[in-house]
Amino acid sequence: MIALLNRAALPAVAAAALLLTFALVVLLIVSRIDTLVDRAVTLAVAGRDAHWTAEIERANAETNKRIADQAQAALAIETEANARVRAVEAQLSELETANAALPAGDACGLGRDRIRLLPR
């Protein structure tokens, strides 16, 4: 009876061992695939992070260049405005000097000489 049971159980035990081995192999393959997918996701995320970091740095560099260009333009405008102010002040100083040099500086009203000093 035991021999018959051993003979009948042997294929079942072998099938169970084969099935268990197959299950372990499938589990190892799935674990390996899961590890590979995790690595791929990590690399993809790192790649996208690097891409967007580069985009942000490029945008910041462009913004800084625009700020520098605007500051340079503002400085040029300020320099030109200061030159114009100095020219007008010099012209006014010359006009005041010429006016003071005219005879009868205490006369009331505008004389012909003072009217000639006015810019046309």
N, C-alpha and C. Protein backbone atom coordinates (compact mmCIF):
# COMPACT_ATOMS: atom_id res chain seq x y z
N MET A 1 0.81 -1.19 0.00
CA MET A 1 0.00 0.00 0.00
C MET A 1 0.87 1.27 0.00
N ILE A 2 1.91 1.28 0.79
CA ILE A 2 2.78 2.43 0.85
C ILE A 2 3.51 2.57 -0.47
N ALA A 3 3.89 1.50 -1.08
CA ALA A 3 4.57 1.54 -2.37
C ALA A 3 3.64 2.11 -3.42
N LEU A 4 2.36 1.74 -3.35
CA LEU A 4 1.38 2.27 -4.31
C LEU A 4 1.16 3.76 -4.06
N LEU A 5 1.13 4.13 -2.81
CA LEU A 5 0.97 5.54 -2.47
C LEU A 5 2.19 6.34 -2.91
N ASN A 6 3.37 5.76 -2.72
CA ASN A 6 4.58 6.43 -3.17
C ASN A 6 4.60 6.56 -4.68
N ARG A 7 4.15 5.51 -5.38
CA ARG A 7 4.13 5.53 -6.82
C ARG A 7 3.11 6.54 -7.34
N ALA A 8 1.97 6.67 -6.69
CA ALA A 8 0.94 7.61 -7.12
C ALA A 8 1.30 9.05 -6.71
N ALA A 9 1.99 9.21 -5.60
CA ALA A 9 2.32 10.54 -5.10
C ALA A 9 3.55 11.13 -5.78
N LEU A 10 4.40 10.28 -6.34
CA LEU A 10 5.63 10.75 -6.95
C LEU A 10 5.36 11.73 -8.09
N PRO A 11 4.47 11.47 -9.01
CA PRO A 11 4.22 12.47 -10.06
C PRO A 11 3.62 13.76 -9.48
N ALA A 12 2.80 13.66 -8.46
CA ALA A 12 2.20 14.85 -7.86
C ALA A 12 3.27 15.68 -7.16
N VAL A 13 4.19 15.02 -6.46
CA VAL A 13 5.25 15.72 -5.77
C VAL A 13 6.20 16.35 -6.79
N ALA A 14 6.49 15.63 -7.85
CA ALA A 14 7.35 16.17 -8.90
C ALA A 14 6.69 17.36 -9.58
N ALA A 15 5.41 17.25 -9.84
CA ALA A 15 4.67 18.36 -10.47
C ALA A 15 4.63 19.56 -9.54
N ALA A 16 4.44 19.32 -8.24
CA ALA A 16 4.41 20.41 -7.28
C ALA A 16 5.79 21.07 -7.19
N ALA A 17 6.85 20.27 -7.21
CA ALA A 17 8.20 20.84 -7.18
C ALA A 17 8.48 21.63 -8.44
N LEU A 18 8.06 21.08 -9.58
CA LEU A 18 8.24 21.79 -10.84
C LEU A 18 7.43 23.09 -10.86
N LEU A 19 6.21 23.02 -10.36
CA LEU A 19 5.36 24.21 -10.28
C LEU A 19 5.96 25.25 -9.33
N LEU A 20 6.50 24.80 -8.21
CA LEU A 20 7.13 25.70 -7.26
C LEU A 20 8.38 26.34 -7.87
N THR A 21 9.17 25.55 -8.59
CA THR A 21 10.35 26.09 -9.26
C THR A 21 9.95 27.12 -10.31
N PHE A 22 8.91 26.78 -11.09
CA PHE A 22 8.42 27.71 -12.11
C PHE A 22 7.92 29.01 -11.45
N ALA A 23 7.21 28.90 -10.34
CA ALA A 23 6.71 30.08 -9.63
C ALA A 23 7.87 30.94 -9.12
N LEU A 24 8.91 30.31 -8.61
CA LEU A 24 10.08 31.05 -8.13
C LEU A 24 10.79 31.77 -9.29
N VAL A 25 10.91 31.09 -10.43
CA VAL A 25 11.54 31.71 -11.60
C VAL A 25 10.71 32.90 -12.07
N VAL A 26 9.39 32.74 -12.13
CA VAL A 26 8.52 33.84 -12.53
C VAL A 26 8.62 35.00 -11.54
N LEU A 27 8.67 34.69 -10.26
CA LEU A 27 8.80 35.72 -9.23
C LEU A 27 10.12 36.47 -9.39
N LEU A 28 11.21 35.76 -9.66
CA LEU A 28 12.51 36.41 -9.87
C LEU A 28 12.49 37.28 -11.13
N ILE A 29 11.85 36.78 -12.18
CA ILE A 29 11.76 37.56 -13.43
C ILE A 29 10.95 38.83 -13.19
N VAL A 30 9.82 38.71 -12.51
CA VAL A 30 8.98 39.88 -12.23
C VAL A 30 9.74 40.86 -11.34
N SER A 31 10.48 40.37 -10.36
CA SER A 31 11.26 41.24 -9.49
C SER A 31 12.33 41.97 -10.30
N ARG A 32 12.99 41.23 -11.20
CA ARG A 32 14.03 41.84 -12.05
C ARG A 32 13.42 42.89 -12.98
N ILE A 33 12.27 42.60 -13.56
CA ILE A 33 11.59 43.57 -14.44
C ILE A 33 11.18 44.80 -13.64
N ASP A 34 10.68 44.58 -12.42
CA ASP A 34 10.29 45.70 -11.57
C ASP A 34 11.49 46.59 -11.26
N THR A 35 12.64 45.97 -10.99
CA THR A 35 13.87 46.74 -10.74
C THR A 35 14.26 47.53 -11.99
N LEU A 36 14.18 46.89 -13.15
CA LEU A 36 14.52 47.58 -14.39
C LEU A 36 13.58 48.75 -14.67
N VAL A 37 12.30 48.55 -14.39
CA VAL A 37 11.33 49.63 -14.59
C VAL A 37 11.61 50.78 -13.63
N ASP A 38 11.92 50.45 -12.38
CA ASP A 38 12.26 51.50 -11.41
C ASP A 38 13.48 52.29 -11.86
N ARG A 39 14.50 51.60 -12.37
CA ARG A 39 15.69 52.29 -12.87
C ARG A 39 15.34 53.18 -14.07
N ALA A 40 14.51 52.65 -14.96
CA ALA A 40 14.12 53.44 -16.14
C ALA A 40 13.35 54.69 -15.72
N VAL A 41 12.47 54.54 -14.75
CA VAL A 41 11.70 55.68 -14.27
C VAL A 41 12.64 56.69 -13.62
N THR A 42 13.58 56.21 -12.81
CA THR A 42 14.53 57.11 -12.16
C THR A 42 15.35 57.87 -13.19
N LEU A 43 15.82 57.16 -14.22
CA LEU A 43 16.60 57.82 -15.28
C LEU A 43 15.74 58.82 -16.05
N ALA A 44 14.50 58.45 -16.33
CA ALA A 44 13.61 59.37 -17.06
C ALA A 44 13.33 60.62 -16.24
N VAL A 45 13.08 60.44 -14.95
CA VAL A 45 12.83 61.59 -14.08
C VAL A 45 14.07 62.47 -14.00
N ALA A 46 15.23 61.84 -13.86
CA ALA A 46 16.48 62.62 -13.80
C ALA A 46 16.71 63.36 -15.11
N GLY A 47 16.41 62.71 -16.23
CA GLY A 47 16.54 63.37 -17.53
C GLY A 47 15.61 64.56 -17.66
N ARG A 48 14.36 64.41 -17.25
CA ARG A 48 13.40 65.52 -17.33
C ARG A 48 13.81 66.64 -16.37
N ASP A 49 14.28 66.26 -15.18
CA ASP A 49 14.74 67.29 -14.24
C ASP A 49 15.92 68.07 -14.83
N ALA A 50 16.84 67.35 -15.46
CA ALA A 50 17.98 68.02 -16.07
C ALA A 50 17.52 68.93 -17.21
N HIS A 51 16.55 68.45 -17.99
CA HIS A 51 16.02 69.28 -19.09
C HIS A 51 15.41 70.56 -18.56
N TRP A 52 14.55 70.44 -17.56
CA TRP A 52 13.87 71.63 -17.05
C TRP A 52 14.83 72.54 -16.29
N THR A 53 15.83 71.96 -15.63
CA THR A 53 16.84 72.78 -14.98
C THR A 53 17.59 73.61 -16.02
N ALA A 54 17.92 72.97 -17.13
CA ALA A 54 18.61 73.69 -18.22
C ALA A 54 17.70 74.77 -18.80
N GLU A 55 16.42 74.47 -18.96
CA GLU A 55 15.48 75.48 -19.48
C GLU A 55 15.37 76.67 -18.53
N ILE A 56 15.31 76.39 -17.24
CA ILE A 56 15.21 77.47 -16.25
C ILE A 56 16.49 78.31 -16.27
N GLU A 57 17.64 77.65 -16.35
CA GLU A 57 18.90 78.39 -16.40
C GLU A 57 18.98 79.24 -17.66
N ARG A 58 18.51 78.69 -18.79
CA ARG A 58 18.52 79.45 -20.04
C ARG A 58 17.60 80.67 -19.93
N ALA A 59 16.41 80.46 -19.36
CA ALA A 59 15.48 81.57 -19.19
C ALA A 59 16.04 82.62 -18.24
N ASN A 60 16.70 82.18 -17.17
CA ASN A 60 17.31 83.13 -16.24
C ASN A 60 18.43 83.91 -16.91
N ALA A 61 19.23 83.24 -17.71
CA ALA A 61 20.32 83.93 -18.41
C ALA A 61 19.75 84.96 -19.39
N GLU A 62 18.68 84.57 -20.09
CA GLU A 62 18.05 85.51 -21.02
C GLU A 62 17.46 86.71 -20.28
N THR A 63 16.82 86.45 -19.16
CA THR A 63 16.25 87.52 -18.36
C THR A 63 17.34 88.45 -17.83
N ASN A 64 18.43 87.87 -17.35
CA ASN A 64 19.54 88.70 -16.85
C ASN A 64 20.14 89.54 -17.97
N LYS A 65 20.22 88.97 -19.18
CA LYS A 65 20.75 89.73 -20.31
C LYS A 65 19.81 90.90 -20.64
N ARG A 66 18.51 90.63 -20.62
CA ARG A 66 17.55 91.71 -20.88
C ARG A 66 17.65 92.80 -19.82
N ILE A 67 17.81 92.41 -18.57
CA ILE A 67 17.95 93.39 -17.49
C ILE A 67 19.20 94.23 -17.70
N ALA A 68 20.29 93.56 -18.07
CA ALA A 68 21.54 94.29 -18.30
C ALA A 68 21.40 95.23 -19.50
N ASP A 69 20.72 94.76 -20.56
CA ASP A 69 20.51 95.62 -21.73
C ASP A 69 19.65 96.83 -21.37
N GLN A 70 18.61 96.61 -20.56
CA GLN A 70 17.76 97.73 -20.14
C GLN A 70 18.53 98.71 -19.26
N ALA A 71 19.36 98.18 -18.37
CA ALA A 71 20.17 99.06 -17.52
C ALA A 71 21.14 99.87 -18.36
N GLN A 72 21.73 99.24 -19.37
CA GLN A 72 22.65 99.95 -20.25
C GLN A 72 21.91 101.01 -21.05
N ALA A 73 20.70 100.68 -21.54
CA ALA A 73 19.90 101.66 -22.29
C ALA A 73 19.50 102.83 -21.38
N ALA A 74 19.12 102.52 -20.14
CA ALA A 74 18.74 103.57 -19.19
C ALA A 74 19.93 104.48 -18.89
N LEU A 75 21.11 103.88 -18.76
CA LEU A 75 22.31 104.67 -18.50
C LEU A 75 22.63 105.58 -19.70
N ALA A 76 22.44 105.05 -20.91
CA ALA A 76 22.68 105.87 -22.11
C ALA A 76 21.69 107.03 -22.18
N ILE A 77 20.43 106.75 -21.85
CA ILE A 77 19.41 107.81 -21.85
C ILE A 77 19.73 108.85 -20.79
N GLU A 78 20.14 108.39 -19.61
CA GLU A 78 20.48 109.32 -18.53
C GLU A 78 21.69 110.18 -18.91
N THR A 79 22.68 109.56 -19.55
CA THR A 79 23.86 110.30 -19.98
C THR A 79 23.49 111.36 -21.01
N GLU A 80 22.64 110.99 -21.94
CA GLU A 80 22.20 111.95 -22.96
C GLU A 80 21.39 113.08 -22.32
N ALA A 81 20.51 112.74 -21.38
CA ALA A 81 19.71 113.75 -20.71
C ALA A 81 20.60 114.71 -19.91
N ASN A 82 21.61 114.16 -19.22
CA ASN A 82 22.53 115.01 -18.47
C ASN A 82 23.31 115.93 -19.41
N ALA A 83 23.71 115.41 -20.56
CA ALA A 83 24.42 116.26 -21.52
C ALA A 83 23.52 117.39 -22.01
N ARG A 84 22.26 117.08 -22.25
CA ARG A 84 21.32 118.12 -22.69
C ARG A 84 21.12 119.17 -21.59
N VAL A 85 21.00 118.70 -20.35
CA VAL A 85 20.81 119.63 -19.24
C VAL A 85 22.04 120.54 -19.11
N ARG A 86 23.24 119.95 -19.20
CA ARG A 86 24.46 120.76 -19.13
C ARG A 86 24.53 121.76 -20.27
N ALA A 87 24.09 121.36 -21.47
CA ALA A 87 24.11 122.27 -22.62
C ALA A 87 23.14 123.43 -22.39
N VAL A 88 21.96 123.12 -21.87
CA VAL A 88 20.97 124.18 -21.60
C VAL A 88 21.48 125.10 -20.49
N GLU A 89 22.10 124.51 -19.46
CA GLU A 89 22.63 125.34 -18.38
C GLU A 89 23.76 126.23 -18.89
N ALA A 90 24.59 125.70 -19.76
CA ALA A 90 25.68 126.50 -20.33
C ALA A 90 25.10 127.63 -21.19
N GLN A 91 24.07 127.29 -21.95
CA GLN A 91 23.44 128.32 -22.79
C GLN A 91 22.81 129.40 -21.91
N LEU A 92 22.17 128.99 -20.82
CA LEU A 92 21.55 129.95 -19.90
C LEU A 92 22.63 130.81 -19.25
N SER A 93 23.74 130.21 -18.86
CA SER A 93 24.83 130.96 -18.25
C SER A 93 25.40 131.99 -19.23
N GLU A 94 25.58 131.57 -20.49
CA GLU A 94 26.06 132.51 -21.51
C GLU A 94 25.07 133.65 -21.72
N LEU A 95 23.77 133.32 -21.73
CA LEU A 95 22.74 134.34 -21.90
C LEU A 95 22.75 135.31 -20.72
N GLU A 96 22.90 134.79 -19.50
CA GLU A 96 22.95 135.67 -18.32
C GLU A 96 24.20 136.55 -18.35
N THR A 97 25.32 135.97 -18.77
CA THR A 97 26.56 136.76 -18.87
C THR A 97 26.41 137.86 -19.92
N ALA A 98 25.84 137.50 -21.07
CA ALA A 98 25.64 138.49 -22.13
C ALA A 98 24.66 139.57 -21.69
N ASN A 99 23.63 139.19 -20.95
CA ASN A 99 22.64 140.15 -20.46
C ASN A 99 23.29 141.10 -19.45
N ALA A 100 24.12 140.55 -18.58
CA ALA A 100 24.77 141.40 -17.58
C ALA A 100 25.77 142.35 -18.22
N ALA A 101 26.30 141.96 -19.35
CA ALA A 101 27.29 142.80 -20.02
C ALA A 101 26.66 143.96 -20.78
N LEU A 102 25.36 143.91 -20.98
CA LEU A 102 24.69 145.00 -21.70
C LEU A 102 24.69 146.27 -20.86
N PRO A 103 24.77 147.41 -21.50
CA PRO A 103 24.70 148.67 -20.75
C PRO A 103 23.29 148.89 -20.22
N ALA A 104 23.16 149.67 -19.23
CA ALA A 104 21.88 150.01 -18.60
C ALA A 104 21.20 148.76 -18.07
N GLY A 105 21.93 148.01 -17.26
CA GLY A 105 21.41 146.78 -16.70
C GLY A 105 20.26 147.01 -15.76
N ASP A 106 20.12 148.23 -15.21
CA ASP A 106 19.03 148.49 -14.27
C ASP A 106 17.82 149.10 -14.97
N ALA A 107 17.84 149.16 -16.30
CA ALA A 107 16.70 149.74 -17.04
C ALA A 107 15.51 148.82 -16.94
N CYS A 108 14.35 149.42 -16.94
CA CYS A 108 13.11 148.68 -16.83
C CYS A 108 12.64 148.27 -18.23
N GLY A 109 12.20 147.03 -18.40
CA GLY A 109 11.67 146.59 -19.68
C GLY A 109 12.74 145.97 -20.55
N LEU A 110 12.35 145.65 -21.76
CA LEU A 110 13.26 145.01 -22.70
C LEU A 110 13.71 146.00 -23.74
N GLY A 111 14.98 146.08 -23.89
CA GLY A 111 15.52 146.93 -24.94
C GLY A 111 15.84 146.08 -26.15
N ARG A 112 16.24 146.78 -27.23
CA ARG A 112 16.54 146.11 -28.47
C ARG A 112 17.68 145.10 -28.28
N ASP A 113 18.70 145.44 -27.52
CA ASP A 113 19.84 144.55 -27.30
C ASP A 113 19.46 143.28 -26.54
N ARG A 114 18.55 143.44 -25.56
CA ARG A 114 18.13 142.28 -24.78
C ARG A 114 17.25 141.36 -25.63
N ILE A 115 16.45 141.91 -26.50
CA ILE A 115 15.60 141.08 -27.35
C ILE A 115 16.47 140.29 -28.32
N ARG A 116 17.56 140.85 -28.75
CA ARG A 116 18.47 140.14 -29.67
C ARG A 116 19.15 138.96 -28.97
N LEU A 117 19.25 138.98 -27.65
CA LEU A 117 19.85 137.86 -26.92
C LEU A 117 18.95 136.63 -26.89
N LEU A 118 17.65 136.83 -27.03
CA LEU A 118 16.72 135.72 -26.91
C LEU A 118 16.90 134.75 -28.10
N PRO A 119 16.84 133.47 -27.85
CA PRO A 119 16.99 132.51 -28.95
C PRO A 119 15.79 132.58 -29.88
N ARG A 120 16.02 132.35 -31.09
CA ARG A 120 14.93 132.40 -32.07
C ARG A 120 14.32 131.07 -32.27
